[in-house]
Amino acid sequence: MTEDLPNRLQQIEQHIAHLEHHVDQMNTILLEQQNVLMRLKKEVQRQTQTLQTMELERIKANITKPPHYQ
């Protein structure tokens, strides 16, 4: 068993290194996705504001004043 211990320790260290590499990759991907999500949220907010402005202008254009206000 003592002869096998260095091999087992080496395998465990290799697995840990492999897992650390995967964690680093996942962290990089997560940061990229967060940046994309923030950009998309800003774009949706901008488009929502634009649509609201257009809708208000459309409503204002369709409102007719009574003759005594003209």
Protein backbone atom coordinates (compact mmCIF):
# COMPACT_ATOMS: atom_id res chain seq x y z
CA MET A 1 0.00 0.00 0.00
CA THR A 2 2.84 2.41 0.73
CA GLU A 3 4.22 1.77 -2.74
CA ASP A 4 0.88 2.72 -4.24
CA LEU A 5 0.56 5.92 -2.19
CA PRO A 6 2.80 8.12 -4.41
CA ASN A 7 0.86 7.01 -7.50
CA ARG A 8 -2.47 7.73 -5.84
CA LEU A 9 -1.22 11.12 -4.68
CA GLN A 10 -0.05 11.94 -8.21
CA GLN A 11 -3.44 10.93 -9.65
CA ILE A 12 -5.23 13.10 -7.10
CA GLU A 13 -3.00 16.05 -7.93
CA GLN A 14 -3.67 15.55 -11.63
CA HIS A 15 -7.41 15.47 -11.01
CA ILE A 16 -7.21 18.64 -8.93
CA ALA A 17 -5.21 20.41 -11.64
CA HIS A 18 -7.75 19.28 -14.21
CA LEU A 19 -10.64 20.56 -12.09
CA GLU A 20 -8.88 23.88 -11.45
CA HIS A 21 -8.45 24.29 -15.20
CA HIS A 22 -12.17 23.66 -15.74
CA VAL A 23 -13.11 26.12 -13.01
CA ASP A 24 -10.94 28.78 -14.66
CA GLN A 25 -12.54 28.11 -18.04
CA MET A 26 -16.04 28.27 -16.57
CA ASN A 27 -15.21 31.51 -14.77
CA THR A 28 -14.02 33.08 -18.03
CA ILE A 29 -17.17 31.98 -19.82
CA LEU A 30 -19.35 33.24 -16.98
CA LEU A 31 -17.72 36.67 -17.12
CA GLU A 32 -18.23 36.82 -20.90
CA GLN A 33 -21.89 35.86 -20.50
CA GLN A 34 -22.35 38.48 -17.80
CA ASN A 35 -20.97 41.15 -20.14
CA VAL A 36 -23.27 40.02 -22.95
CA LEU A 37 -26.25 39.98 -20.59
CA MET A 38 -25.52 43.51 -19.38
CA ARG A 39 -25.19 44.75 -22.97
CA LEU A 40 -28.46 43.08 -23.95
CA LYS A 41 -30.28 44.52 -20.93
CA LYS A 42 -29.12 48.01 -21.90
CA GLU A 43 -30.27 47.42 -25.48
CA VAL A 44 -33.69 46.23 -24.32
CA GLN A 45 -34.04 49.28 -22.08
CA ARG A 46 -33.11 51.58 -24.96
CA GLN A 47 -35.56 49.90 -27.32
CA THR A 48 -38.30 49.98 -24.68
CA GLN A 49 -37.76 53.69 -24.19
CA THR A 50 -37.84 54.27 -27.95
CA LEU A 51 -41.08 52.31 -28.32
CA GLN A 52 -42.69 54.17 -25.44
CA THR A 53 -41.74 57.49 -27.00
CA MET A 54 -43.08 56.41 -30.38
CA GLU A 55 -46.35 55.20 -28.80
CA LEU A 56 -46.82 58.48 -26.93
CA GLU A 57 -46.20 60.47 -30.12
CA ARG A 58 -48.69 58.28 -31.99
CA ILE A 59 -51.31 58.78 -29.29
CA LYS A 60 -50.72 62.55 -29.25
CA ALA A 61 -51.03 62.68 -33.04
CA ASN A 62 -54.39 60.88 -32.93
CA ILE A 63 -55.91 63.09 -30.27
CA THR A 64 -58.10 65.69 -31.90
CA LYS A 65 -58.93 68.84 -30.02
CA PRO A 66 -62.49 70.00 -29.86
CA PRO A 67 -63.27 72.87 -32.23
CA HIS A 68 -63.42 75.45 -29.44
CA TYR A 69 -59.74 74.71 -28.53
CA GLN A 70 -58.37 75.25 -32.02
